[in-house]
Structure formats: structure tokens, C-alpha cells
Amino acid sequence: MNLSAPKQVVFLLSLVLAIVGLLAGLAIIPGLPVPALYIVTAGYAVLALGCLIKGA
């Protein structure tokens, strides 16, 4: 299995998800219907898929 660097848009999307999850966890963004841990996990999953899928 070869890993590749994710494209910039995938990296930025995962970064935004991680920051939103962090802010939700700190109660700076209250009232989100999804728990903060799920948002952060989705951000890291997007980043992992961006590294695993060639051209993503």
C-alpha cells in the first residue's frame, strides 16, 4: 500500500472539521446535533482517506 500526500482541499476540509469539533467540544459552538468527538473523527477519517486514495 502506497501512501500519498492529500490534496490541499482535502487537507483544509479535514482541518475545518477538526477545528469545528474542537470548538464544539469546548462549548464555544453550542447546540450542534452531532457530538464533537464524531466531528473530529470525521475530520481525521477524511484526512486518512486523502492519504490512502491516490489522486484525492
PDB file of N, CA and C in Angstrom:
ATOM      1  N   MET A   1       0.849  -1.169   0.000  1.00  0.00           N
ATOM      2  CA  MET A   1       0.000   0.000   0.000  1.00  0.00           C
ATOM      3  C   MET A   1       0.901   1.241   0.000  1.00  0.00           C
ATOM      4  N   ASN A   2       0.711   2.066  -0.986  1.00  0.00           N
ATOM      5  CA  ASN A   2       1.478   3.299  -1.089  1.00  0.00           C
ATOM      6  C   ASN A   2       0.643   4.466  -0.584  1.00  0.00           C
ATOM      7  N   LEU A   3       1.255   5.288   0.234  1.00  0.00           N
ATOM      8  CA  LEU A   3       0.586   6.480   0.730  1.00  0.00           C
ATOM      9  C   LEU A   3       1.012   7.680  -0.099  1.00  0.00           C
ATOM     10  N   SER A   4       0.102   8.620  -0.249  1.00  0.00           N
ATOM     11  CA  SER A   4       0.428   9.845  -0.971  1.00  0.00           C
ATOM     12  C   SER A   4      -0.093  11.031  -0.171  1.00  0.00           C
ATOM     13  N   ALA A   5       0.489  12.161  -0.421  1.00  0.00           N
ATOM     14  CA  ALA A   5       0.049  13.371   0.276  1.00  0.00           C
ATOM     15  C   ALA A   5      -1.334  13.765  -0.233  1.00  0.00           C
ATOM     16  N   PRO A   6      -2.219  14.163   0.677  1.00  0.00           N
ATOM     17  CA  PRO A   6      -3.555  14.569   0.228  1.00  0.00           C
ATOM     18  C   PRO A   6      -3.486  15.922  -0.481  1.00  0.00           C
ATOM     19  N   LYS A   7      -4.467  16.160  -1.326  1.00  0.00           N
ATOM     20  CA  LYS A   7      -4.529  17.470  -1.977  1.00  0.00           C
ATOM     21  C   LYS A   7      -4.882  18.528  -0.940  1.00  0.00           C
ATOM     22  N   GLN A   8      -4.648  19.749  -1.306  1.00  0.00           N
ATOM     23  CA  GLN A   8      -4.842  20.848  -0.371  1.00  0.00           C
ATOM     24  C   GLN A   8      -6.297  20.971   0.069  1.00  0.00           C
ATOM     25  N   VAL A   9      -7.246  20.739  -0.811  1.00  0.00           N
ATOM     26  CA  VAL A   9      -8.652  20.873  -0.460  1.00  0.00           C
ATOM     27  C   VAL A   9      -9.061  19.800   0.558  1.00  0.00           C
ATOM     28  N   VAL A  10      -8.524  18.598   0.437  1.00  0.00           N
ATOM     29  CA  VAL A  10      -8.824  17.529   1.393  1.00  0.00           C
ATOM     30  C   VAL A  10      -8.225  17.872   2.743  1.00  0.00           C
ATOM     31  N   PHE A  11      -7.004  18.376   2.743  1.00  0.00           N
ATOM     32  CA  PHE A  11      -6.364  18.765   3.994  1.00  0.00           C
ATOM     33  C   PHE A  11      -7.141  19.885   4.681  1.00  0.00           C
ATOM     34  N   LEU A  12      -7.554  20.889   3.920  1.00  0.00           N
ATOM     35  CA  LEU A  12      -8.296  22.013   4.508  1.00  0.00           C
ATOM     36  C   LEU A  12      -9.660  21.571   5.031  1.00  0.00           C
ATOM     37  N   LEU A  13     -10.325  20.662   4.320  1.00  0.00           N
ATOM     38  CA  LEU A  13     -11.609  20.144   4.795  1.00  0.00           C
ATOM     39  C   LEU A  13     -11.439  19.401   6.117  1.00  0.00           C
ATOM     40  N   SER A  14     -10.414  18.578   6.216  1.00  0.00           N
ATOM     41  CA  SER A  14     -10.186  17.859   7.470  1.00  0.00           C
ATOM     42  C   SER A  14      -9.796  18.817   8.588  1.00  0.00           C
ATOM     43  N   LEU A  15      -9.057  19.852   8.272  1.00  0.00           N
ATOM     44  CA  LEU A  15      -8.681  20.844   9.270  1.00  0.00           C
ATOM     45  C   LEU A  15      -9.901  21.604   9.785  1.00  0.00           C
ATOM     46  N   VAL A  16     -10.804  21.977   8.885  1.00  0.00           N
ATOM     47  CA  VAL A  16     -12.025  22.675   9.292  1.00  0.00           C
ATOM     48  C   VAL A  16     -12.880  21.783  10.185  1.00  0.00           C
ATOM     49  N   LEU A  17     -13.021  20.517   9.821  1.00  0.00           N
ATOM     50  CA  LEU A  17     -13.792  19.594  10.648  1.00  0.00           C
ATOM     51  C   LEU A  17     -13.167  19.432  12.028  1.00  0.00           C
ATOM     52  N   ALA A  18     -11.853  19.326  12.091  1.00  0.00           N
ATOM     53  CA  ALA A  18     -11.184  19.177  13.381  1.00  0.00           C
ATOM     54  C   ALA A  18     -11.366  20.425  14.245  1.00  0.00           C
ATOM     55  N   ILE A  19     -11.275  21.602  13.650  1.00  0.00           N
ATOM     56  CA  ILE A  19     -11.430  22.845  14.415  1.00  0.00           C
ATOM     57  C   ILE A  19     -12.874  23.008  14.888  1.00  0.00           C
ATOM     58  N   VAL A  20     -13.842  22.692  14.033  1.00  0.00           N
ATOM     59  CA  VAL A  20     -15.247  22.785  14.444  1.00  0.00           C
ATOM     60  C   VAL A  20     -15.529  21.806  15.580  1.00  0.00           C
ATOM     61  N   GLY A  21     -14.985  20.601  15.490  1.00  0.00           N
ATOM     62  CA  GLY A  21     -15.164  19.628  16.561  1.00  0.00           C
ATOM     63  C   GLY A  21     -14.524  20.073  17.855  1.00  0.00           C
ATOM     64  N   LEU A  22     -13.362  20.676  17.761  1.00  0.00           N
ATOM     65  CA  LEU A  22     -12.691  21.190  18.949  1.00  0.00           C
ATOM     66  C   LEU A  22     -13.497  22.318  19.589  1.00  0.00           C
ATOM     67  N   LEU A  23     -13.981  23.230  18.769  1.00  0.00           N
ATOM     68  CA  LEU A  23     -14.780  24.334  19.300  1.00  0.00           C
ATOM     69  C   LEU A  23     -16.106  23.844  19.886  1.00  0.00           C
ATOM     70  N   ALA A  24     -16.679  22.818  19.297  1.00  0.00           N
ATOM     71  CA  ALA A  24     -17.910  22.250  19.842  1.00  0.00           C
ATOM     72  C   ALA A  24     -17.627  21.540  21.165  1.00  0.00           C
ATOM     73  N   GLY A  25     -16.489  20.883  21.249  1.00  0.00           N
ATOM     74  CA  GLY A  25     -16.118  20.208  22.492  1.00  0.00           C
ATOM     75  C   GLY A  25     -15.863  21.177  23.624  1.00  0.00           C
ATOM     76  N   LEU A  26     -15.384  22.356  23.305  1.00  0.00           N
ATOM     77  CA  LEU A  26     -15.120  23.383  24.320  1.00  0.00           C
ATOM     78  C   LEU A  26     -16.344  24.255  24.591  1.00  0.00           C
ATOM     79  N   ALA A  27     -17.463  23.918  23.978  1.00  0.00           N
ATOM     80  CA  ALA A  27     -18.750  24.613  24.139  1.00  0.00           C
ATOM     81  C   ALA A  27     -18.700  26.051  23.618  1.00  0.00           C
ATOM     82  N   ILE A  28     -17.807  26.327  22.695  1.00  0.00           N
ATOM     83  CA  ILE A  28     -17.785  27.636  22.046  1.00  0.00           C
ATOM     84  C   ILE A  28     -18.848  27.673  20.953  1.00  0.00           C
ATOM     85  N   ILE A  29     -19.092  26.520  20.316  1.00  0.00           N
ATOM     86  CA  ILE A  29     -20.187  26.375  19.357  1.00  0.00           C
ATOM     87  C   ILE A  29     -21.202  25.440  20.008  1.00  0.00           C
ATOM     88  N   PRO A  30     -22.165  25.994  20.721  1.00  0.00           N
ATOM     89  CA  PRO A  30     -23.138  25.120  21.401  1.00  0.00           C
ATOM     90  C   PRO A  30     -24.271  24.690  20.465  1.00  0.00           C
ATOM     91  N   GLY A  31     -24.924  23.620  20.821  1.00  0.00           N
ATOM     92  CA  GLY A  31     -26.138  23.224  20.152  1.00  0.00           C
ATOM     93  C   GLY A  31     -25.973  22.449  18.866  1.00  0.00           C
ATOM     94  N   LEU A  32     -24.807  21.906  18.593  1.00  0.00           N
ATOM     95  CA  LEU A  32     -24.663  21.077  17.406  1.00  0.00           C
ATOM     96  C   LEU A  32     -25.352  19.737  17.648  1.00  0.00           C
ATOM     97  N   PRO A  33     -26.069  19.225  16.663  1.00  0.00           N
ATOM     98  CA  PRO A  33     -26.787  17.964  16.879  1.00  0.00           C
ATOM     99  C   PRO A  33     -25.878  16.735  16.894  1.00  0.00           C
ATOM    100  N   VAL A  34     -24.622  16.893  16.489  1.00  0.00           N
ATOM    101  CA  VAL A  34     -23.676  15.777  16.434  1.00  0.00           C
ATOM    102  C   VAL A  34     -22.630  15.992  17.529  1.00  0.00           C
ATOM    103  N   PRO A  35     -22.291  14.941  18.281  1.00  0.00           N
ATOM    104  CA  PRO A  35     -21.257  15.096  19.312  1.00  0.00           C
ATOM    105  C   PRO A  35     -19.909  15.512  18.706  1.00  0.00           C
ATOM    106  N   ALA A  36     -19.145  16.264  19.468  1.00  0.00           N
ATOM    107  CA  ALA A  36     -17.876  16.810  18.989  1.00  0.00           C
ATOM    108  C   ALA A  36     -16.889  15.715  18.605  1.00  0.00           C
ATOM    109  N   LEU A  37     -16.898  14.616  19.328  1.00  0.00           N
ATOM    110  CA  LEU A  37     -15.979  13.519  19.020  1.00  0.00           C
ATOM    111  C   LEU A  37     -16.236  12.967  17.622  1.00  0.00           C
ATOM    112  N   TYR A  38     -17.495  12.900  17.204  1.00  0.00           N
ATOM    113  CA  TYR A  38     -17.815  12.406  15.871  1.00  0.00           C
ATOM    114  C   TYR A  38     -17.317  13.362  14.794  1.00  0.00           C
ATOM    115  N   ILE A  39     -17.377  14.643  15.057  1.00  0.00           N
ATOM    116  CA  ILE A  39     -16.920  15.633  14.082  1.00  0.00           C
ATOM    117  C   ILE A  39     -15.408  15.543  13.908  1.00  0.00           C
ATOM    118  N   VAL A  40     -14.688  15.447  15.023  1.00  0.00           N
ATOM    119  CA  VAL A  40     -13.230  15.336  14.952  1.00  0.00           C
ATOM    120  C   VAL A  40     -12.831  14.023  14.287  1.00  0.00           C
ATOM    121  N   THR A  41     -13.531  12.944  14.604  1.00  0.00           N
ATOM    122  CA  THR A  41     -13.243  11.653  13.982  1.00  0.00           C
ATOM    123  C   THR A  41     -13.490  11.705  12.478  1.00  0.00           C
ATOM    124  N   ALA A  42     -14.526  12.391  12.053  1.00  0.00           N
ATOM    125  CA  ALA A  42     -14.793  12.542  10.623  1.00  0.00           C
ATOM    126  C   ALA A  42     -13.676  13.324   9.937  1.00  0.00           C
ATOM    127  N   GLY A  43     -13.151  14.328  10.615  1.00  0.00           N
ATOM    128  CA  GLY A  43     -12.041  15.094  10.050  1.00  0.00           C
ATOM    129  C   GLY A  43     -10.802  14.248   9.840  1.00  0.00           C
ATOM    130  N   TYR A  44     -10.486  13.419  10.826  1.00  0.00           N
ATOM    131  CA  TYR A  44      -9.322  12.556  10.683  1.00  0.00           C
ATOM    132  C   TYR A  44      -9.565  11.434   9.683  1.00  0.00           C
ATOM    133  N   ALA A  45     -10.802  10.982   9.552  1.00  0.00           N
ATOM    134  CA  ALA A  45     -11.119   9.967   8.546  1.00  0.00           C
ATOM    135  C   ALA A  45     -10.970  10.538   7.139  1.00  0.00           C
ATOM    136  N   VAL A  46     -11.399  11.777   6.953  1.00  0.00           N
ATOM    137  CA  VAL A  46     -11.221  12.428   5.650  1.00  0.00           C
ATOM    138  C   VAL A  46      -9.743  12.561   5.318  1.00  0.00           C
ATOM    139  N   LEU A  47      -8.944  12.935   6.295  1.00  0.00           N
ATOM    140  CA  LEU A  47      -7.509  13.068   6.068  1.00  0.00           C
ATOM    141  C   LEU A  47      -6.873  11.717   5.767  1.00  0.00           C
ATOM    142  N   ALA A  48      -7.268  10.686   6.481  1.00  0.00           N
ATOM    143  CA  ALA A  48      -6.722   9.345   6.235  1.00  0.00           C
ATOM    144  C   ALA A  48      -7.095   8.848   4.833  1.00  0.00           C
ATOM    145  N   LEU A  49      -8.350   9.061   4.437  1.00  0.00           N
ATOM    146  CA  LEU A  49      -8.754   8.651   3.089  1.00  0.00           C
ATOM    147  C   LEU A  49      -8.016   9.450   2.016  1.00  0.00           C
ATOM    148  N   GLY A  50      -7.750  10.713   2.305  1.00  0.00           N
ATOM    149  CA  GLY A  50      -6.993  11.524   1.361  1.00  0.00           C
ATOM    150  C   GLY A  50      -5.572  11.024   1.179  1.00  0.00           C
ATOM    151  N   CYS A  51      -5.015  10.426   2.217  1.00  0.00           N
ATOM    152  CA  CYS A  51      -3.664   9.854   2.117  1.00  0.00           C
ATOM    153  C   CYS A  51      -3.680   8.486   1.454  1.00  0.00           C
ATOM    154  N   LEU A  52      -4.745   7.732   1.620  1.00  0.00           N
ATOM    155  CA  LEU A  52      -4.812   6.374   1.103  1.00  0.00           C
ATOM    156  C   LEU A  52      -5.222   6.321  -0.363  1.00  0.00           C
ATOM    157  N   ILE A  53      -6.104   7.220  -0.790  1.00  0.00           N
ATOM    158  CA  ILE A  53      -6.617   7.189  -2.158  1.00  0.00           C
ATOM    159  C   ILE A  53      -5.720   8.052  -3.041  1.00  0.00           C
ATOM    160  N   LYS A  54      -5.194   7.433  -4.074  1.00  0.00           N
ATOM    161  CA  LYS A  54      -4.308   8.168  -4.978  1.00  0.00           C
ATOM    162  C   LYS A  54      -5.100   9.191  -5.774  1.00  0.00           C
ATOM    163  N   GLY A  55      -4.635  10.411  -5.799  1.00  0.00           N
ATOM    164  CA  GLY A  55      -5.290  11.477  -6.555  1.00  0.00           C
ATOM    165  C   GLY A  55      -6.355  12.227  -5.772  1.00  0.00           C
ATOM    166  N   ALA A  56      -6.548  11.870  -4.503  1.00  0.00           N
ATOM    167  CA  ALA A  56      -7.567  12.555  -3.703  1.00  0.00           C
ATOM    168  C   ALA A  56      -6.950  13.611  -2.840  1.00  0.00           C
TER     169      ALA A  56
END
